[in-house]
Protein backbone atom coordinates (compact mmCIF):
# COMPACT_ATOMS: atom_id res chain seq x y z
CA MET A 1 -44.90 -13.75 10.31
CA PRO A 2 -41.13 -13.82 9.76
CA LYS A 3 -39.02 -15.25 12.52
CA THR A 4 -36.99 -12.64 14.35
CA SER A 5 -33.49 -12.41 15.74
CA SER A 6 -33.56 -12.47 19.54
CA GLU A 7 -30.46 -14.45 20.53
CA PRO A 8 -27.59 -12.81 22.43
CA ALA A 9 -24.93 -11.11 20.32
CA THR A 10 -22.50 -13.99 20.93
CA ARG A 11 -24.86 -16.33 19.01
CA CYS A 12 -25.13 -14.02 15.98
CA LYS A 13 -23.47 -14.69 12.65
CA ARG A 14 -22.56 -12.30 9.83
CA ILE A 15 -24.88 -12.52 6.80
CA THR A 16 -24.83 -10.65 3.49
CA LEU A 17 -27.83 -10.36 1.16
CA HIS A 18 -27.89 -8.50 -2.17
CA GLY A 19 -29.60 -8.13 -5.52
CA PRO A 20 -29.91 -5.92 -8.62
CA THR A 21 -31.99 -2.74 -8.83
CA MET A 22 -31.96 0.72 -10.44
CA GLY A 23 -29.03 -0.13 -12.70
CA THR A 24 -26.86 -0.99 -9.69
CA ARG A 25 -27.16 -3.30 -6.66
CA TRP A 26 -28.68 -3.19 -3.20
CA SER A 27 -27.03 -5.03 -0.33
CA THR A 28 -27.31 -5.51 3.40
CA THR A 29 -24.83 -6.87 5.91
CA LEU A 30 -26.38 -8.02 9.16
CA ASP A 31 -25.69 -9.88 12.37
CA ALA A 32 -28.46 -12.33 13.23
CA ASP A 33 -29.09 -15.83 14.59
CA ASP A 34 -30.32 -18.97 12.86
CA ALA A 35 -33.97 -18.18 13.63
CA LEU A 36 -34.05 -15.47 10.98
CA ASP A 37 -35.92 -16.48 7.81
CA LEU A 38 -33.34 -15.42 5.22
CA ALA A 39 -35.43 -16.36 2.20
CA ALA A 40 -38.33 -14.20 3.38
CA LEU A 41 -35.99 -11.34 4.23
CA GLN A 42 -34.31 -11.49 0.82
CA ARG A 43 -37.71 -11.49 -0.89
CA ASP A 44 -39.02 -8.55 1.13
CA LEU A 45 -35.87 -6.46 0.68
CA ALA A 46 -35.95 -7.00 -3.09
CA ALA A 47 -39.66 -6.14 -3.20
CA ALA A 48 -39.10 -2.92 -1.25
CA VAL A 49 -36.42 -1.53 -3.56
CA GLU A 50 -38.28 -2.67 -6.68
CA GLN A 51 -41.39 -0.85 -5.49
CA VAL A 52 -39.41 2.38 -5.19
CA ASP A 53 -37.98 1.87 -8.67
CA ALA A 54 -41.42 1.10 -10.13
CA GLN A 55 -42.83 4.27 -8.63
CA MET A 56 -39.96 6.79 -8.95
CA SER A 57 -37.86 5.80 -11.96
CA PRO A 58 -37.69 8.43 -14.73
CA TRP A 59 -36.44 5.66 -17.03
CA LYS A 60 -39.42 3.31 -16.77
CA PRO A 61 -42.24 4.27 -19.17
CA HIS A 62 -44.94 3.00 -16.79
CA SER A 63 -43.60 4.33 -13.48
CA ASP A 64 -45.84 6.54 -11.36
CA LEU A 65 -43.35 9.39 -11.77
CA THR A 66 -43.54 9.04 -15.56
CA ARG A 67 -47.35 9.22 -15.32
CA LEU A 68 -47.02 12.49 -13.45
CA ASN A 69 -44.53 13.88 -15.96
CA ARG A 70 -46.73 12.98 -18.91
CA ALA A 71 -49.88 14.43 -17.38
CA PRO A 72 -51.19 17.76 -18.73
CA VAL A 73 -50.56 20.91 -16.75
CA GLY A 74 -53.39 21.42 -14.27
CA ALA A 75 -54.46 17.76 -14.16
CA TRP A 76 -54.52 16.01 -10.80
CA VAL A 77 -52.59 12.71 -10.77
CA ASP A 78 -53.25 10.07 -8.11
CA LEU A 79 -49.97 8.85 -6.63
CA PRO A 80 -48.97 6.09 -4.18
CA ALA A 81 -48.17 7.08 -0.61
CA GLU A 82 -44.45 6.30 -0.98
CA LEU A 83 -44.03 8.62 -3.94
CA MET A 84 -46.00 11.32 -2.13
CA GLU A 85 -43.64 10.99 0.83
CA ALA A 86 -40.56 11.35 -1.36
CA LEU A 87 -42.04 14.31 -3.24
CA ASP A 88 -42.89 16.02 0.03
CA ALA A 89 -39.34 15.51 1.35
CA ALA A 90 -37.84 16.73 -1.94
CA LEU A 91 -39.88 19.93 -1.86
CA ASP A 92 -38.96 20.48 1.78
CA VAL A 93 -35.22 20.24 1.03
CA HIS A 94 -35.79 22.50 -2.00
CA ARG A 95 -37.32 25.13 0.29
CA LEU A 96 -34.71 24.83 3.04
CA SER A 97 -31.81 24.91 0.56
CA ALA A 98 -33.13 28.01 -1.24
CA GLY A 99 -33.45 26.05 -4.48
CA ALA A 100 -30.07 24.30 -4.48
CA PHE A 101 -31.99 21.01 -4.45
CA ASN A 102 -34.66 21.07 -7.14
CA PRO A 103 -36.79 18.02 -8.06
CA CYS A 104 -38.13 19.74 -11.19
CA VAL A 105 -34.96 19.44 -13.29
CA GLY A 106 -35.98 16.42 -15.38
CA ALA A 107 -36.07 18.35 -18.68
CA LEU A 108 -32.61 19.80 -18.00
CA VAL A 109 -31.22 16.38 -17.03
CA ASP A 110 -32.41 14.96 -20.36
CA ALA A 111 -31.29 18.00 -22.38
CA TRP A 112 -27.74 17.79 -21.02
CA GLY A 113 -27.50 14.07 -21.86
CA PHE A 114 -27.90 12.49 -18.43
CA GLY A 115 -31.45 11.16 -18.74
CA ALA A 116 -33.35 8.57 -20.72
CA VAL A 117 -33.79 10.71 -23.87
CA ARG A 118 -30.22 11.36 -25.09
CA ASP A 119 -26.60 10.64 -24.18
CA ALA A 120 -25.04 13.98 -25.15
CA PRO A 121 -25.98 17.66 -24.69
CA ASP A 122 -28.41 19.12 -27.22
CA ALA A 123 -28.23 22.92 -27.53
CA GLU A 124 -31.82 23.37 -28.72
CA ALA A 125 -33.16 21.05 -26.03
CA ILE A 126 -31.12 22.92 -23.39
CA ARG A 127 -32.59 26.26 -24.47
CA ALA A 128 -36.10 24.82 -24.35
CA ALA A 129 -35.51 23.19 -20.95
CA ARG A 130 -34.16 26.44 -19.52
CA ARG A 131 -37.32 28.21 -20.61
CA SER A 132 -39.64 25.57 -19.15
CA SER A 133 -37.82 24.33 -16.04
CA PRO A 134 -39.02 26.19 -12.95
CA ILE A 135 -36.48 27.61 -10.54
CA HIS A 136 -39.07 27.62 -7.76
CA ALA A 137 -40.47 24.10 -7.53
CA LEU A 138 -42.93 25.02 -4.77
CA ASP A 139 -44.85 27.20 -7.23
CA ALA A 140 -44.64 24.67 -10.06
CA LEU A 141 -45.91 21.58 -8.24
CA THR A 142 -48.85 21.20 -5.85
CA VAL A 143 -48.99 18.17 -3.55
CA ASP A 144 -52.39 17.31 -2.06
CA HIS A 145 -51.74 14.99 0.88
CA GLN A 146 -55.37 14.61 1.87
CA HIS A 147 -56.29 13.02 -1.45
CA GLY A 148 -52.92 11.46 -2.36
CA ARG A 149 -52.36 13.37 -5.56
CA ALA A 150 -50.18 15.99 -7.23
CA GLN A 151 -50.69 18.64 -9.87
CA LYS A 152 -48.22 20.34 -12.19
CA ASN A 153 -48.67 24.08 -12.55
CA ALA A 154 -46.11 24.31 -15.35
CA PRO A 155 -44.88 21.97 -18.13
CA LEU A 156 -42.21 20.42 -15.94
CA HIS A 157 -40.57 17.02 -15.53
CA VAL A 158 -39.96 15.83 -11.99
CA ASP A 159 -36.69 14.00 -11.33
CA LEU A 160 -36.19 12.27 -7.96
CA CYS A 161 -32.78 10.73 -8.67
CA GLY A 162 -31.30 12.90 -5.92
CA ILE A 163 -33.50 11.33 -3.25
CA ALA A 164 -34.99 8.03 -4.49
CA LYS A 165 -32.01 5.79 -3.71
CA GLY A 166 -31.79 7.16 -0.20
CA TYR A 167 -35.51 6.58 0.22
CA ALA A 168 -35.08 3.00 -1.00
CA VAL A 169 -32.40 2.40 1.65
CA ASP A 170 -34.82 3.66 4.31
CA ARG A 171 -37.41 1.20 3.02
CA MET A 172 -34.81 -1.57 3.34
CA ALA A 173 -34.21 -0.50 6.93
CA GLU A 174 -37.96 -0.75 7.61
CA VAL A 175 -38.00 -4.28 6.20
CA LEU A 176 -35.05 -5.30 8.37
CA GLN A 177 -36.77 -3.89 11.46
CA ARG A 178 -40.00 -5.76 10.64
CA HIS A 179 -37.99 -8.97 10.54
CA GLY A 180 -36.56 -8.20 13.96
CA VAL A 181 -33.04 -7.39 12.77
CA ARG A 182 -31.28 -4.98 15.14
CA HIS A 183 -27.73 -4.96 13.75
CA ALA A 184 -27.46 -4.22 10.02
CA LEU A 185 -25.96 -1.97 7.36
CA ALA A 186 -28.24 -1.40 4.35
CA ALA A 187 -26.78 0.00 1.14
CA LEU A 188 -27.79 0.96 -2.38
CA ASP A 189 -24.99 2.27 -4.53
CA GLY A 190 -23.32 4.98 -2.39
CA GLU A 191 -26.15 5.48 0.11
CA LEU A 192 -26.01 3.55 3.40
CA ARG A 193 -27.95 3.36 6.64
CA ALA A 194 -27.01 1.56 9.84
CA LEU A 195 -29.50 -0.14 12.14
CA GLY A 196 -27.69 0.17 15.44
CA GLY A 197 -24.10 -1.01 15.44
CA GLN A 198 -22.62 -4.46 14.95
CA ALA A 199 -23.69 -7.22 17.32
CA SER A 200 -20.25 -7.01 18.91
CA GLY A 201 -21.04 -3.47 20.03
CA ALA A 202 -18.68 -1.86 17.50
CA PRO A 203 -20.06 0.68 15.03
CA TRP A 204 -20.21 -0.06 11.31
CA ALA A 205 -17.14 1.22 9.46
CA VAL A 206 -17.93 2.90 6.15
CA ALA A 207 -15.30 4.10 3.69
CA ILE A 208 -15.51 7.54 2.14
CA GLU A 209 -14.18 7.41 -1.40
CA ARG A 210 -11.35 9.57 -2.60
CA PRO A 211 -12.94 11.52 -5.48
CA GLU A 212 -10.78 10.37 -8.37
CA PRO A 213 -12.31 9.44 -11.75
CA GLY A 214 -11.52 5.97 -13.03
CA ARG A 215 -10.26 4.43 -9.80
CA ARG A 216 -11.50 3.30 -6.41
CA ALA A 217 -9.55 4.61 -3.45
CA VAL A 218 -10.41 5.31 0.18
CA HIS A 219 -10.12 8.84 1.50
CA GLY A 220 -11.22 7.99 5.02
CA VAL A 221 -13.60 6.07 7.24
CA VAL A 222 -16.71 7.13 9.13
CA GLU A 223 -18.28 5.00 11.85
CA LEU A 224 -22.07 4.58 11.88
CA ASP A 225 -24.36 3.52 14.69
CA GLY A 226 -28.01 4.25 13.93
CA LEU A 227 -27.15 6.86 11.26
CA ALA A 228 -27.23 7.16 7.47
CA VAL A 229 -24.59 8.52 5.11
CA ALA A 230 -24.63 9.62 1.47
CA THR A 231 -22.08 11.22 -0.86
CA SER A 232 -22.56 13.32 -3.99
CA GLY A 233 -19.66 14.14 -6.28
CA ASP A 234 -18.47 15.04 -9.76
CA TYR A 235 -16.20 12.06 -10.41
CA ARG A 236 -18.34 8.98 -11.19
CA ARG A 237 -21.09 10.12 -13.58
CA TYR A 238 -20.04 12.81 -16.01
CA LEU A 239 -19.70 13.62 -19.71
CA ASP A 240 -16.44 14.65 -21.36
CA ILE A 241 -17.23 17.29 -23.98
CA GLY A 242 -14.14 18.57 -25.79
CA GLY A 243 -11.98 18.00 -22.74
CA THR A 244 -14.46 19.65 -20.38
CA ARG A 245 -15.99 17.41 -17.74
CA LEU A 246 -19.70 17.97 -17.13
CA ALA A 247 -20.93 16.57 -13.81
CA HIS A 248 -24.31 14.81 -13.88
CA THR A 249 -25.81 16.95 -11.09
CA ILE A 250 -27.85 19.85 -12.48
CA ASP A 251 -27.99 23.31 -10.93
CA ALA A 252 -31.49 24.49 -11.82
CA ARG A 253 -30.56 28.07 -10.96
CA ARG A 254 -28.05 28.08 -13.84
CA GLY A 255 -29.86 25.63 -16.06
CA ALA A 256 -26.61 23.68 -16.39
CA PRO A 257 -24.47 21.02 -14.69
CA VAL A 258 -23.01 22.14 -11.38
CA ARG A 259 -19.71 23.95 -11.82
CA ASN A 260 -17.78 24.75 -8.66
CA THR A 261 -14.77 23.51 -6.70
CA VAL A 262 -16.60 20.67 -4.93
CA ALA A 263 -15.21 17.21 -5.69
CA SER A 264 -17.58 15.50 -3.26
CA VAL A 265 -19.73 16.19 -0.25
CA THR A 266 -20.66 13.58 2.37
CA VAL A 267 -23.60 14.04 4.73
CA LEU A 268 -24.66 12.18 7.87
CA ALA A 269 -28.35 12.15 8.82
CA ARG A 270 -30.94 10.12 10.70
CA THR A 271 -32.49 8.87 7.45
CA CYS A 272 -30.82 8.00 4.17
CA MET A 273 -33.41 10.00 2.23
CA GLN A 274 -32.32 13.15 4.05
CA ALA A 275 -28.62 12.34 3.68
CA ASP A 276 -29.08 11.71 -0.05
CA ALA A 277 -31.03 14.88 -0.78
CA TRP A 278 -28.81 17.12 1.33
CA ALA A 279 -25.62 15.74 -0.24
CA THR A 280 -27.00 16.84 -3.62
CA ALA A 281 -28.16 20.20 -2.28
CA LEU A 282 -24.81 20.99 -0.69
CA LEU A 283 -22.91 19.93 -3.82
CA VAL A 284 -24.96 22.41 -5.87
CA ALA A 285 -24.72 25.15 -3.24
CA GLY A 286 -20.92 25.03 -3.29
CA PRO A 287 -18.43 25.20 -0.43
CA ALA A 288 -19.13 28.68 0.98
CA ASP A 289 -22.93 28.81 0.80
CA GLY A 290 -23.22 25.06 1.40
CA LEU A 291 -21.12 25.04 4.55
CA ALA A 292 -23.02 28.04 5.93
CA LEU A 293 -26.31 26.28 5.16
CA ALA A 294 -25.14 23.04 6.76
CA GLN A 295 -24.03 24.95 9.85
CA ARG A 296 -27.48 26.58 10.17
CA MET A 297 -29.07 23.14 9.78
CA ARG A 298 -26.64 21.62 12.32
CA MET A 299 -25.56 18.91 9.91
CA GLU A 300 -22.44 16.76 9.94
CA VAL A 301 -20.79 17.33 6.58
CA LEU A 302 -17.49 16.68 4.83
CA TYR A 303 -16.55 18.68 1.72
CA LEU A 304 -13.64 17.54 -0.45
CA LEU A 305 -12.60 20.41 -2.71
CA HIS A 306 -10.45 20.73 -5.83
CA SER A 307 -7.55 23.13 -5.36
CA ALA A 308 -4.20 23.91 -6.92
CA GLU A 309 -2.57 21.90 -4.13
CA GLY A 310 -4.85 18.89 -4.67
CA LEU A 311 -7.77 18.01 -2.41
CA THR A 312 -8.63 20.21 0.54
CA THR A 313 -11.29 19.55 3.16
CA LEU A 314 -13.98 21.48 4.98
CA GLY A 315 -16.13 19.84 7.61
CA LEU A 316 -18.68 20.16 10.36
CA GLY A 317 -19.57 17.91 13.27
CA ARG A 318 -17.34 14.87 13.45
CA PHE A 319 -15.75 16.05 10.18
CA GLY A 320 -14.81 19.40 11.69
CA THR A 321 -11.42 20.78 12.65
CA GLY A 322 -9.39 18.20 14.49
CA ALA A 323 -11.41 15.23 13.18
CA ASP A 324 -9.47 12.52 11.37
CA PRO A 325 -11.78 10.66 8.98
CA SER A 326 -8.78 8.99 7.32
CA ARG A 327 -8.04 6.74 10.29
CA ALA A 328 -8.48 3.02 9.74
CA ALA A 329 -11.44 1.22 11.34
CA GLY A 330 -11.57 -2.42 10.30
CA SER A 331 -12.89 -3.44 6.90
CA PRO A 332 -15.23 -0.65 5.84
CA ALA A 333 -18.18 -0.72 3.50
CA ASN A 334 -17.91 1.84 0.72
CA VAL A 335 -19.73 5.11 0.16
CA GLY A 336 -19.34 6.93 -3.14
CA PRO A 337 -21.52 9.34 -5.07
CA GLY A 338 -25.07 8.22 -5.68
């Protein structure tokens, strides 16, 4: 059993652990005492994120997700519990967002040059993907929880890139809790989740990026205590085709990259998986429909929008009218688009 952190906050020290995964890096900043077994914690955190990657990566030829995508239509595919959980959550957000979040866009992702198959749009592949990619994922994919399996009802390719990193951060949080850590900030790329606040009693300060391609700048700061945050945007991963910027997020309803005035959308939630998926959903939905949806769901959301005057903001919850996310709050961790 790993040793746990049980000393008073005044005896805690600041520790940072990190490692590579999913083409980026995971990290955690925590306050703990000398009793914590750091080697065991590092090992277990790395194992947790690698398990998610091994199961849910569309890039790995032997991942469980790739097995599902290669399976014939109508064939049942046994899947691990973690992948089943992520699939279930993805389909739930798909339903609640009226299709703005769609986990069955893998063929479109590849056709537009954002997947493992090609690095530029292919017109013939796009036409084929539009014919085969289902708009209604609930009809195209059946998840059998009792037997731990899933079945494709159409020749689709599942893509969980809009939820897998958030899920991996939640797995990191579970590992930290098992090791008795009570004060930590877990991060993978632009998805973060706080376990409580800092040992000092202060919340964790997390920077929200200013959505500008090619540079890193802070738009504002959000404070986390027991919450997760994720941002989706059009400014980090995109293709430049003849002077037109194509964002990497696909709108399955159009069969094309999302095209609206949203520069980025940041979402707060209890779990990072939910924050990650809803940030993608609200980016695709756009500012009007997305803000109305977020209001119905009682979410805390910050939209940064392109306009003739520069960036404008729309927000709910702590990001609503009168909130000031640009105020300084110590040395923040960073949240950008996942």
